[in-house]
């Protein structure tokens, strides 16, 4: 680079003194390059700043969308859990109704099997009621959760169609068997739900031997009402050995109900009773260790588990 110089003169308005500055060309070039560098850096920083602001705004939008999406997923989860629970209760209720009406008896040619493919294990679920899937903060994970929810909804739709078919069959059966339905035990003989002894083999409290317990023992207050679980005809009232004061009701179709250890009987032999009608009071008569009701259901003389004849 040459040693050329430039002279800059400053002439004041009211002074005769003139100031001169001699600037080498090399300095001017350096100054110009410096200005260009500053302007370039400033432009780069400005562009980068606006880019970052735009990215931050987009990230906030995505984050808000993700929060909304996850909230929607959780609401749908809760609704699915509620519907799933309702379907399970309907399934259990239908199974009980089928049991007490012998709809699963192969000899009647009405068995359709369990409502699920394998009754020994519960249907596959993608989550347990109340459980939360651990989602990350990315939209992708929330969309994956929605796909899982869609899969669960398809499963519930399939189960609901199966149960709707089952309910239609039950409705058709009952429409043709009104008398049988009215005479089938289906309610609790007492308001109490406390069972002190269940149906099946147990240790006899008197002999300490393993014996078959033909019914259930329901704890209740002395004198509490005992109601008929279905329409029927009273065929026995009186003392019956270890049963103490007892009542037997014949409901027809081979079904009888037996009540033992009563404190009082409020019906007579030959009397017709209706479902829910009070027939006696809970007591402690006969071979009993405390106040309770002994309740049996027999089908063609064979003891059945009374719990399967209680729909509530």
C-alpha atoms as a PDB file:
ATOM      1  CA  UNK A   1       0.000   0.000   0.000  1.00  0.00           C
ATOM      2  CA  UNK A   2       1.428   3.499  -0.873  1.00  0.00           C
ATOM      3  CA  UNK A   3       2.220   6.130   1.711  1.00  0.00           C
ATOM      4  CA  UNK A   4      -0.358   8.516   0.240  1.00  0.00           C
ATOM      5  CA  UNK A   5      -1.948  10.816   2.801  1.00  0.00           C
ATOM      6  CA  UNK A   6      -5.075  12.977   3.009  1.00  0.00           C
ATOM      7  CA  UNK A   7      -5.331  16.382   4.644  1.00  0.00           C
ATOM      8  CA  UNK A   8      -8.480  17.356   6.504  1.00  0.00           C
ATOM      9  CA  UNK A   9      -8.889  21.064   7.229  1.00  0.00           C
ATOM     10  CA  UNK A  10     -11.264  22.488   9.836  1.00  0.00           C
ATOM     11  CA  UNK A  11     -12.053  26.185   9.402  1.00  0.00           C
ATOM     12  CA  UNK A  12     -13.910  27.778  12.341  1.00  0.00           C
ATOM     13  CA  UNK A  13     -16.559  30.467  11.594  1.00  0.00           C
ATOM     14  CA  UNK A  14     -15.190  33.172  13.809  1.00  0.00           C
ATOM     15  CA  UNK A  15     -11.566  32.225  14.158  1.00  0.00           C
ATOM     16  CA  UNK A  16      -8.813  32.733  11.690  1.00  0.00           C
ATOM     17  CA  UNK A  17      -6.954  29.724  12.965  1.00  0.00           C
ATOM     18  CA  UNK A  18      -7.371  26.751  10.681  1.00  0.00           C
ATOM     19  CA  UNK A  19      -6.756  23.250  11.929  1.00  0.00           C
ATOM     20  CA  UNK A  20      -5.216  20.649   9.708  1.00  0.00           C
ATOM     21  CA  UNK A  21      -5.158  16.886  10.147  1.00  0.00           C
ATOM     22  CA  UNK A  22      -3.051  14.663   7.977  1.00  0.00           C
ATOM     23  CA  UNK A  23      -4.509  11.144   7.721  1.00  0.00           C
ATOM     24  CA  UNK A  24      -2.603   8.366   6.020  1.00  0.00           C
ATOM     25  CA  UNK A  25      -4.530   6.388   3.434  1.00  0.00           C
ATOM     26  CA  UNK A  26      -3.740   3.245   5.434  1.00  0.00           C
ATOM     27  CA  UNK A  27      -5.662   4.599   8.452  1.00  0.00           C
ATOM     28  CA  UNK A  28      -8.668   5.482   6.302  1.00  0.00           C
ATOM     29  CA  UNK A  29      -8.799   1.982   4.906  1.00  0.00           C
ATOM     30  CA  UNK A  30      -8.560   0.475   8.384  1.00  0.00           C
ATOM     31  CA  UNK A  31     -11.339   2.783   9.620  1.00  0.00           C
ATOM     32  CA  UNK A  32     -13.612   1.827   6.711  1.00  0.00           C
ATOM     33  CA  UNK A  33     -13.019  -1.863   7.264  1.00  0.00           C
ATOM     34  CA  UNK A  34     -13.787  -1.412  10.962  1.00  0.00           C
ATOM     35  CA  UNK A  35     -17.067   0.340  10.167  1.00  0.00           C
ATOM     36  CA  UNK A  36     -18.039  -2.407   7.744  1.00  0.00           C
ATOM     37  CA  UNK A  37     -17.219  -5.065  10.357  1.00  0.00           C
ATOM     38  CA  UNK A  38     -19.317  -3.317  13.004  1.00  0.00           C
ATOM     39  CA  UNK A  39     -22.240  -2.913  10.601  1.00  0.00           C
ATOM     40  CA  UNK A  40     -21.947  -6.577   9.535  1.00  0.00           C
ATOM     41  CA  UNK A  41     -21.852  -7.853  13.110  1.00  0.00           C
ATOM     42  CA  UNK A  42     -24.789  -5.599  14.030  1.00  0.00           C
ATOM     43  CA  UNK A  43     -26.854  -6.902  11.110  1.00  0.00           C
ATOM     44  CA  UNK A  44     -26.004 -10.526  12.003  1.00  0.00           C
ATOM     45  CA  UNK A  45     -26.968  -9.967  15.654  1.00  0.00           C
ATOM     46  CA  UNK A  46     -30.214  -8.277  14.634  1.00  0.00           C
ATOM     47  CA  UNK A  47     -31.167 -11.113  12.275  1.00  0.00           C
ATOM     48  CA  UNK A  48     -30.219 -13.723  14.899  1.00  0.00           C
ATOM     49  CA  UNK A  49     -32.232 -11.879  17.559  1.00  0.00           C
ATOM     50  CA  UNK A  50     -35.414 -11.798  15.459  1.00  0.00           C
ATOM     51  CA  UNK A  51     -34.886 -15.471  14.528  1.00  0.00           C
ATOM     52  CA  UNK A  52     -34.599 -16.433  18.203  1.00  0.00           C
ATOM     53  CA  UNK A  53     -37.677 -14.372  19.075  1.00  0.00           C
ATOM     54  CA  UNK A  54     -39.616 -16.185  16.332  1.00  0.00           C
ATOM     55  CA  UNK A  55     -38.373 -19.583  17.561  1.00  0.00           C
ATOM     56  CA  UNK A  56     -39.277 -18.753  21.161  1.00  0.00           C
ATOM     57  CA  UNK A  57     -42.784 -17.742  20.072  1.00  0.00           C
ATOM     58  CA  UNK A  58     -43.173 -20.977  18.103  1.00  0.00           C
ATOM     59  CA  UNK A  59     -41.901 -23.022  21.044  1.00  0.00           C
ATOM     60  CA  UNK A  60     -44.396 -21.332  23.371  1.00  0.00           C
ATOM     61  CA  UNK A  61     -47.193 -22.137  20.916  1.00  0.00           C
ATOM     62  CA  UNK A  62     -46.115 -25.784  20.683  1.00  0.00           C
ATOM     63  CA  UNK A  63     -45.794 -26.012  24.454  1.00  0.00           C
ATOM     64  CA  UNK A  64     -49.293 -24.590  24.946  1.00  0.00           C
ATOM     65  CA  UNK A  65     -50.679 -26.995  22.338  1.00  0.00           C
ATOM     66  CA  UNK A  66     -48.964 -29.875  24.114  1.00  0.00           C
ATOM     67  CA  UNK A  67     -50.420 -28.873  27.481  1.00  0.00           C
ATOM     68  CA  UNK A  68     -53.912 -28.674  25.953  1.00  0.00           C
ATOM     69  CA  UNK A  69     -53.430 -31.992  24.153  1.00  0.00           C
ATOM     70  CA  UNK A  70     -52.300 -33.781  27.325  1.00  0.00           C
ATOM     71  CA  UNK A  71     -55.260 -32.345  29.249  1.00  0.00           C
ATOM     72  CA  UNK A  72     -57.592 -33.674  26.548  1.00  0.00           C
ATOM     73  CA  UNK A  73     -55.904 -37.093  26.712  1.00  0.00           C
ATOM     74  CA  UNK A  74     -56.380 -37.220  30.477  1.00  0.00           C
ATOM     75  CA  UNK A  75     -60.044 -36.225  30.235  1.00  0.00           C
ATOM     76  CA  UNK A  76     -60.621 -38.936  27.640  1.00  0.00           C
ATOM     77  CA  UNK A  77     -58.727 -41.395  29.871  1.00  0.00           C
ATOM     78  CA  UNK A  78     -61.008 -40.627  32.802  1.00  0.00           C
ATOM     79  CA  UNK A  79     -64.100 -41.013  30.626  1.00  0.00           C
ATOM     80  CA  UNK A  80     -62.824 -44.327  29.241  1.00  0.00           C
ATOM     81  CA  UNK A  81     -62.121 -45.589  32.770  1.00  0.00           C
ATOM     82  CA  UNK A  82     -65.692 -44.648  33.784  1.00  0.00           C
ATOM     83  CA  UNK A  83     -67.230 -46.367  30.740  1.00  0.00           C
ATOM     84  CA  UNK A  84     -64.982 -49.394  31.226  1.00  0.00           C
ATOM     85  CA  UNK A  85     -66.109 -49.711  34.845  1.00  0.00           C
ATOM     86  CA  UNK A  86     -69.759 -49.473  33.802  1.00  0.00           C
ATOM     87  CA  UNK A  87     -69.291 -52.182  31.173  1.00  0.00           C
ATOM     88  CA  UNK A  88     -67.615 -54.443  33.721  1.00  0.00           C
ATOM     89  CA  UNK A  89     -70.527 -53.978  36.154  1.00  0.00           C
ATOM     90  CA  UNK A  90     -72.996 -54.769  33.360  1.00  0.00           C
ATOM     91  CA  UNK A  91     -70.942 -57.840  32.484  1.00  0.00           C
ATOM     92  CA  UNK A  92     -71.038 -59.063  36.100  1.00  0.00           C
ATOM     93  CA  UNK A  93     -74.768 -58.359  36.362  1.00  0.00           C
ATOM     94  CA  UNK A  94     -75.473 -60.239  33.106  1.00  0.00           C
ATOM     95  CA  UNK A  95     -73.379 -63.173  34.317  1.00  0.00           C
ATOM     96  CA  UNK A  96     -75.420 -63.343  37.534  1.00  0.00           C
ATOM     97  CA  UNK A  97     -78.711 -63.159  35.651  1.00  0.00           C
ATOM     98  CA  UNK A  98     -77.579 -65.946  33.345  1.00  0.00           C
ATOM     99  CA  UNK A  99     -76.583 -68.018  36.325  1.00  0.00           C
ATOM    100  CA  UNK A 100     -79.881 -67.754  38.188  1.00  0.00           C
ATOM    101  CA  UNK A 101     -81.961 -68.325  35.041  1.00  0.00           C
ATOM    102  CA  UNK A 102     -79.875 -71.332  33.918  1.00  0.00           C
ATOM    103  CA  UNK A 103     -79.120 -69.564  30.607  1.00  0.00           C
ATOM    104  CA  UNK A 104     -75.693 -71.190  30.685  1.00  0.00           C
ATOM    105  CA  UNK A 105     -77.143 -74.696  31.097  1.00  0.00           C
ATOM    106  CA  UNK A 106     -76.006 -76.711  28.027  1.00  0.00           C
ATOM    107  CA  UNK A 107     -79.137 -78.858  28.212  1.00  0.00           C
ATOM    108  CA  UNK A 108     -81.265 -75.787  27.483  1.00  0.00           C
ATOM    109  CA  UNK A 109     -79.188 -75.095  24.342  1.00  0.00           C
ATOM    110  CA  UNK A 110     -78.924 -71.426  25.330  1.00  0.00           C
ATOM    111  CA  UNK A 111     -75.309 -71.150  26.398  1.00  0.00           C
ATOM    112  CA  UNK A 112     -73.326 -68.474  24.606  1.00  0.00           C
ATOM    113  CA  UNK A 113     -70.226 -68.619  26.786  1.00  0.00           C
ATOM    114  CA  UNK A 114     -68.438 -65.750  28.529  1.00  0.00           C
ATOM    115  CA  UNK A 115     -68.609 -62.257  27.110  1.00  0.00           C
ATOM    116  CA  UNK A 116     -64.829 -62.121  26.708  1.00  0.00           C
ATOM    117  CA  UNK A 117     -62.673 -64.488  24.691  1.00  0.00           C
ATOM    118  CA  UNK A 118     -60.992 -65.887  27.783  1.00  0.00           C
ATOM    119  CA  UNK A 119     -62.968 -65.608  31.014  1.00  0.00           C
ATOM    120  CA  UNK A 120     -59.966 -66.753  33.032  1.00  0.00           C
ATOM    121  CA  UNK A 121     -58.158 -63.479  32.483  1.00  0.00           C
ATOM    122  CA  UNK A 122     -59.408 -59.898  32.242  1.00  0.00           C
ATOM    123  CA  UNK A 123     -59.528 -58.160  28.867  1.00  0.00           C
ATOM    124  CA  UNK A 124     -56.360 -56.380  27.860  1.00  0.00           C
ATOM    125  CA  UNK A 125     -56.251 -52.771  29.012  1.00  0.00           C
ATOM    126  CA  UNK A 126     -53.789 -50.064  28.134  1.00  0.00           C
ATOM    127  CA  UNK A 127     -53.890 -48.557  31.605  1.00  0.00           C
ATOM    128  CA  UNK A 128     -55.457 -49.142  34.988  1.00  0.00           C
ATOM    129  CA  UNK A 129     -58.298 -46.840  36.165  1.00  0.00           C
ATOM    130  CA  UNK A 130     -56.801 -43.742  37.714  1.00  0.00           C
ATOM    131  CA  UNK A 131     -53.320 -44.535  36.322  1.00  0.00           C
ATOM    132  CA  UNK A 132     -51.533 -41.777  34.377  1.00  0.00           C
ATOM    133  CA  UNK A 133     -49.271 -42.391  31.394  1.00  0.00           C
ATOM    134  CA  UNK A 134     -45.924 -40.664  31.895  1.00  0.00           C
ATOM    135  CA  UNK A 135     -45.835 -38.353  28.882  1.00  0.00           C
ATOM    136  CA  UNK A 136     -42.897 -36.204  27.856  1.00  0.00           C
ATOM    137  CA  UNK A 137     -43.390 -32.591  26.864  1.00  0.00           C
ATOM    138  CA  UNK A 138     -43.343 -33.308  23.132  1.00  0.00           C
ATOM    139  CA  UNK A 139     -46.397 -33.301  20.891  1.00  0.00           C
ATOM    140  CA  UNK A 140     -45.288 -36.652  19.450  1.00  0.00           C
ATOM    141  CA  UNK A 141     -45.775 -38.443  22.790  1.00  0.00           C
ATOM    142  CA  UNK A 142     -49.219 -36.907  23.243  1.00  0.00           C
ATOM    143  CA  UNK A 143     -50.221 -38.067  19.774  1.00  0.00           C
ATOM    144  CA  UNK A 144     -48.973 -41.548  20.669  1.00  0.00           C
ATOM    145  CA  UNK A 145     -51.169 -41.405  23.777  1.00  0.00           C
ATOM    146  CA  UNK A 146     -54.140 -40.465  21.612  1.00  0.00           C
ATOM    147  CA  UNK A 147     -53.479 -43.498  19.407  1.00  0.00           C
ATOM    148  CA  UNK A 148     -53.507 -45.673  22.536  1.00  0.00           C
ATOM    149  CA  UNK A 149     -56.785 -44.051  23.560  1.00  0.00           C
ATOM    150  CA  UNK A 150     -58.238 -44.750  20.097  1.00  0.00           C
ATOM    151  CA  UNK A 151     -57.201 -48.396  20.464  1.00  0.00           C
ATOM    152  CA  UNK A 152     -58.934 -48.600  23.864  1.00  0.00           C
ATOM    153  CA  UNK A 153     -62.073 -46.979  22.439  1.00  0.00           C
ATOM    154  CA  UNK A 154     -62.174 -49.598  19.669  1.00  0.00           C
ATOM    155  CA  UNK A 155     -61.913 -52.324  22.313  1.00  0.00           C
ATOM    156  CA  UNK A 156     -64.709 -50.795  24.391  1.00  0.00           C
ATOM    157  CA  UNK A 157     -66.903 -50.469  21.283  1.00  0.00           C
ATOM    158  CA  UNK A 158     -66.388 -54.161  20.549  1.00  0.00           C
ATOM    159  CA  UNK A 159     -67.210 -55.118  24.152  1.00  0.00           C
ATOM    160  CA  UNK A 160     -70.302 -52.907  24.174  1.00  0.00           C
ATOM    161  CA  UNK A 161     -71.610 -54.568  20.989  1.00  0.00           C
ATOM    162  CA  UNK A 162     -71.089 -57.995  22.578  1.00  0.00           C
ATOM    163  CA  UNK A 163     -72.892 -56.931  25.744  1.00  0.00           C
ATOM    164  CA  UNK A 164     -75.714 -55.354  23.746  1.00  0.00           C
ATOM    165  CA  UNK A 165     -76.212 -58.724  22.044  1.00  0.00           C
ATOM    166  CA  UNK A 166     -76.177 -60.441  25.440  1.00  0.00           C
ATOM    167  CA  UNK A 167     -78.743 -57.987  26.845  1.00  0.00           C
ATOM    168  CA  UNK A 168     -81.022 -58.526  23.858  1.00  0.00           C
ATOM    169  CA  UNK A 169     -80.910 -62.277  24.430  1.00  0.00           C
ATOM    170  CA  UNK A 170     -81.724 -61.805  28.107  1.00  0.00           C
ATOM    171  CA  UNK A 171     -84.585 -59.446  27.244  1.00  0.00           C
ATOM    172  CA  UNK A 172     -86.029 -61.913  24.761  1.00  0.00           C
ATOM    173  CA  UNK A 173     -85.706 -64.716  27.299  1.00  0.00           C
ATOM    174  CA  UNK A 174     -87.467 -62.755  30.031  1.00  0.00           C
ATOM    175  CA  UNK A 175     -90.189 -61.586  27.660  1.00  0.00           C
ATOM    176  CA  UNK A 176     -91.065 -65.232  27.092  1.00  0.00           C
ATOM    177  CA  UNK A 177     -90.640 -66.279  30.737  1.00  0.00           C
ATOM    178  CA  UNK A 178     -92.359 -63.648  32.894  1.00  0.00           C
ATOM    179  CA  UNK A 179     -93.603 -66.217  35.411  1.00  0.00           C
ATOM    180  CA  UNK A 180     -90.195 -67.830  35.747  1.00  0.00           C
ATOM    181  CA  UNK A 181     -88.546 -64.434  36.298  1.00  0.00           C
ATOM    182  CA  UNK A 182     -91.062 -63.459  38.983  1.00  0.00           C
ATOM    183  CA  UNK A 183     -90.473 -66.716  40.871  1.00  0.00           C
ATOM    184  CA  UNK A 184     -86.660 -66.721  40.618  1.00  0.00           C
ATOM    185  CA  UNK A 185     -84.924 -65.517  43.818  1.00  0.00           C
ATOM    186  CA  UNK A 186     -83.064 -62.311  43.020  1.00  0.00           C
ATOM    187  CA  UNK A 187     -82.987 -60.034  46.102  1.00  0.00           C
ATOM    188  CA  UNK A 188     -81.486 -60.253  49.588  1.00  0.00           C
ATOM    189  CA  UNK A 189     -83.741 -61.833  52.219  1.00  0.00           C
ATOM    190  CA  UNK A 190     -82.507 -59.199  54.716  1.00  0.00           C
ATOM    191  CA  UNK A 191     -81.166 -55.696  54.406  1.00  0.00           C
ATOM    192  CA  UNK A 192     -77.937 -56.788  56.037  1.00  0.00           C
ATOM    193  CA  UNK A 193     -75.042 -57.710  53.720  1.00  0.00           C
ATOM    194  CA  UNK A 194     -72.791 -59.114  56.441  1.00  0.00           C
ATOM    195  CA  UNK A 195     -72.092 -62.803  55.842  1.00  0.00           C
ATOM    196  CA  UNK A 196     -70.745 -64.681  58.850  1.00  0.00           C
ATOM    197  CA  UNK A 197     -70.546 -67.986  56.992  1.00  0.00           C
ATOM    198  CA  UNK A 198     -70.533 -68.665  53.251  1.00  0.00           C
ATOM    199  CA  UNK A 199     -71.767 -71.551  51.124  1.00  0.00           C
ATOM    200  CA  UNK A 200     -69.539 -74.632  50.966  1.00  0.00           C
ATOM    201  CA  UNK A 201     -67.486 -76.894  53.188  1.00  0.00           C
ATOM    202  CA  UNK A 202     -66.698 -75.411  56.591  1.00  0.00           C
ATOM    203  CA  UNK A 203     -65.822 -76.448  60.148  1.00  0.00           C
ATOM    204  CA  UNK A 204     -68.959 -77.128  62.190  1.00  0.00           C
ATOM    205  CA  UNK A 205     -68.888 -74.837  65.277  1.00  0.00           C
ATOM    206  CA  UNK A 206     -70.413 -77.620  67.434  1.00  0.00           C
ATOM    207  CA  UNK A 207     -68.557 -80.749  66.283  1.00  0.00           C
ATOM    208  CA  UNK A 208     -65.389 -79.138  64.885  1.00  0.00           C
ATOM    209  CA  UNK A 209     -65.739 -81.477  61.872  1.00  0.00           C
ATOM    210  CA  UNK A 210     -65.593 -80.425  58.216  1.00  0.00           C
ATOM    211  CA  UNK A 211     -69.153 -80.439  56.880  1.00  0.00           C
ATOM    212  CA  UNK A 212     -71.072 -78.994  53.961  1.00  0.00           C
ATOM    213  CA  UNK A 213     -72.785 -75.675  54.746  1.00  0.00           C
ATOM    214  CA  UNK A 214     -75.820 -75.695  52.482  1.00  0.00           C
ATOM    215  CA  UNK A 215     -76.523 -71.967  52.607  1.00  0.00           C
ATOM    216  CA  UNK A 216     -75.198 -68.659  53.907  1.00  0.00           C
ATOM    217  CA  UNK A 217     -75.455 -67.124  57.367  1.00  0.00           C
ATOM    218  CA  UNK A 218     -76.360 -63.432  57.396  1.00  0.00           C
ATOM    219  CA  UNK A 219     -75.791 -61.419  60.580  1.00  0.00           C
ATOM    220  CA  UNK A 220     -78.642 -59.047  61.438  1.00  0.00           C
ATOM    221  CA  UNK A 221     -80.407 -57.552  64.438  1.00  0.00           C
ATOM    222  CA  UNK A 222     -82.803 -59.766  66.378  1.00  0.00           C
ATOM    223  CA  UNK A 223     -86.277 -59.417  64.888  1.00  0.00           C
ATOM    224  CA  UNK A 224     -85.062 -57.769  61.673  1.00  0.00           C
ATOM    225  CA  UNK A 225     -87.380 -58.387  58.726  1.00  0.00           C
ATOM    226  CA  UNK A 226     -86.846 -61.431  56.514  1.00  0.00           C
ATOM    227  CA  UNK A 227     -88.342 -60.967  53.040  1.00  0.00           C
ATOM    228  CA  UNK A 228     -89.213 -63.402  50.262  1.00  0.00           C
ATOM    229  CA  UNK A 229     -86.658 -63.042  47.421  1.00  0.00           C
ATOM    230  CA  UNK A 230     -89.296 -63.979  44.806  1.00  0.00           C
ATOM    231  CA  UNK A 231     -92.931 -64.955  44.381  1.00  0.00           C
ATOM    232  CA  UNK A 232     -93.836 -68.380  45.732  1.00  0.00           C
ATOM    233  CA  UNK A 233     -95.937 -70.624  47.929  1.00  0.00           C
ATOM    234  CA  UNK A 234     -95.169 -71.278  51.608  1.00  0.00           C
ATOM    235  CA  UNK A 235     -94.922 -75.048  52.054  1.00  0.00           C
ATOM    236  CA  UNK A 236     -93.442 -75.253  55.584  1.00  0.00           C
ATOM    237  CA  UNK A 237     -93.642 -73.179  58.772  1.00  0.00           C
ATOM    238  CA  UNK A 238     -92.516 -74.513  62.132  1.00  0.00           C
ATOM    239  CA  UNK A 239     -89.652 -75.982  64.152  1.00  0.00           C
ATOM    240  CA  UNK A 240     -87.167 -77.995  62.111  1.00  0.00           C
ATOM    241  CA  UNK A 241     -84.476 -79.517  64.301  1.00  0.00           C
ATOM    242  CA  UNK A 242     -81.166 -77.657  64.022  1.00  0.00           C
ATOM    243  CA  UNK A 243     -82.804 -75.021  61.818  1.00  0.00           C
ATOM    244  CA  UNK A 244     -84.964 -73.929  64.757  1.00  0.00           C
ATOM    245  CA  UNK A 245     -88.023 -71.969  63.692  1.00  0.00           C
ATOM    246  CA  UNK A 246     -87.986 -72.267  59.896  1.00  0.00           C
ATOM    247  CA  UNK A 247     -89.869 -71.399  56.712  1.00  0.00           C
ATOM    248  CA  UNK A 248     -89.668 -73.050  53.286  1.00  0.00           C
ATOM    249  CA  UNK A 249     -91.017 -71.371  50.131  1.00  0.00           C
ATOM    250  CA  UNK A 250     -91.559 -73.239  46.859  1.00  0.00           C
ATOM    251  CA  UNK A 251     -91.052 -70.912  43.873  1.00  0.00           C
ATOM    252  CA  UNK A 252     -91.832 -73.471  41.192  1.00  0.00           C
ATOM    253  CA  UNK A 253     -89.528 -74.601  38.390  1.00  0.00           C
ATOM    254  CA  UNK A 254     -87.708 -76.781  40.930  1.00  0.00           C
ATOM    255  CA  UNK A 255     -86.556 -73.805  43.078  1.00  0.00           C
ATOM    256  CA  UNK A 256     -87.058 -73.604  46.850  1.00  0.00           C
ATOM    257  CA  UNK A 257     -85.718 -71.205  49.479  1.00  0.00           C
ATOM    258  CA  UNK A 258     -85.175 -72.192  53.131  1.00  0.00           C
ATOM    259  CA  UNK A 259     -84.920 -69.856  56.145  1.00  0.00           C
ATOM    260  CA  UNK A 260     -83.652 -70.979  59.556  1.00  0.00           C
ATOM    261  CA  UNK A 261     -83.121 -69.747  63.158  1.00  0.00           C
ATOM    262  CA  UNK A 262     -86.081 -67.327  62.870  1.00  0.00           C
ATOM    263  CA  UNK A 263     -87.475 -65.461  65.854  1.00  0.00           C
ATOM    264  CA  UNK A 264     -90.982 -65.423  64.372  1.00  0.00           C
ATOM    265  CA  UNK A 265     -92.922 -66.478  61.280  1.00  0.00           C
ATOM    266  CA  UNK A 266     -95.369 -64.017  59.675  1.00  0.00           C
ATOM    267  CA  UNK A 267     -96.814 -66.372  57.053  1.00  0.00           C
ATOM    268  CA  UNK A 268     -98.770 -69.642  57.073  1.00  0.00           C
ATOM    269  CA  UNK A 269     -98.536 -72.897  55.142  1.00  0.00           C
ATOM    270  CA  UNK A 270    -100.329 -72.582  51.811  1.00  0.00           C
ATOM    271  CA  UNK A 271     -99.982 -68.792  51.702  1.00  0.00           C
ATOM    272  CA  UNK A 272     -98.833 -67.159  48.462  1.00  0.00           C
ATOM    273  CA  UNK A 273     -96.119 -64.537  48.886  1.00  0.00           C
ATOM    274  CA  UNK A 274     -94.665 -61.906  46.591  1.00  0.00           C
ATOM    275  CA  UNK A 275     -91.065 -60.794  46.119  1.00  0.00           C
ATOM    276  CA  UNK A 276     -90.128 -58.405  48.938  1.00  0.00           C
ATOM    277  CA  UNK A 277     -92.986 -59.465  51.237  1.00  0.00           C
ATOM    278  CA  UNK A 278     -91.961 -59.870  54.917  1.00  0.00           C
ATOM    279  CA  UNK A 279     -92.254 -63.518  55.948  1.00  0.00           C
ATOM    280  CA  UNK A 280     -90.558 -63.549  59.373  1.00  0.00           C
ATOM    281  CA  UNK A 281     -87.929 -62.120  61.696  1.00  0.00           C
ATOM    282  CA  UNK A 282     -84.237 -62.876  62.276  1.00  0.00           C
ATOM    283  CA  UNK A 283     -83.591 -64.885  65.435  1.00  0.00           C
ATOM    284  CA  UNK A 284     -81.372 -67.319  67.304  1.00  0.00           C
ATOM    285  CA  UNK A 285     -83.479 -70.497  67.501  1.00  0.00           C
ATOM    286  CA  UNK A 286     -82.317 -74.056  66.922  1.00  0.00           C
ATOM    287  CA  UNK A 287     -78.670 -74.977  66.548  1.00  0.00           C
ATOM    288  CA  UNK A 288     -77.307 -71.470  66.470  1.00  0.00           C
ATOM    289  CA  UNK A 289     -74.397 -69.666  68.139  1.00  0.00           C
ATOM    290  CA  UNK A 290     -75.848 -66.183  67.721  1.00  0.00           C
ATOM    291  CA  UNK A 291     -78.532 -64.070  66.093  1.00  0.00           C
ATOM    292  CA  UNK A 292     -78.494 -64.529  62.323  1.00  0.00           C
ATOM    293  CA  UNK A 293     -80.465 -65.811  59.333  1.00  0.00           C
ATOM    294  CA  UNK A 294     -79.589 -69.112  57.684  1.00  0.00           C
ATOM    295  CA  UNK A 295     -80.636 -68.811  54.023  1.00  0.00           C
ATOM    296  CA  UNK A 296     -80.618 -71.607  51.427  1.00  0.00           C
ATOM    297  CA  UNK A 297     -81.551 -71.883  47.744  1.00  0.00           C
ATOM    298  CA  UNK A 298     -82.185 -75.367  46.356  1.00  0.00           C
ATOM    299  CA  UNK A 299     -82.700 -76.355  42.718  1.00  0.00           C
ATOM    300  CA  UNK A 300     -84.359 -79.752  42.293  1.00  0.00           C
ATOM    301  CA  UNK A 301     -83.373 -80.479  45.884  1.00  0.00           C
ATOM    302  CA  UNK A 302     -79.667 -79.679  45.356  1.00  0.00           C
ATOM    303  CA  UNK A 303     -78.255 -76.780  47.441  1.00  0.00           C
ATOM    304  CA  UNK A 304     -77.027 -73.851  45.347  1.00  0.00           C
ATOM    305  CA  UNK A 305     -74.819 -70.925  46.346  1.00  0.00           C
ATOM    306  CA  UNK A 306     -77.405 -68.268  47.398  1.00  0.00           C
ATOM    307  CA  UNK A 307     -74.994 -65.445  46.553  1.00  0.00           C
ATOM    308  CA  UNK A 308     -75.405 -66.070  42.833  1.00  0.00           C
ATOM    309  CA  UNK A 309     -79.157 -65.444  43.282  1.00  0.00           C
ATOM    310  CA  UNK A 310     -78.616 -61.940  44.668  1.00  0.00           C
ATOM    311  CA  UNK A 311     -78.470 -59.356  41.899  1.00  0.00           C
ATOM    312  CA  UNK A 312     -77.855 -56.195  43.923  1.00  0.00           C
END
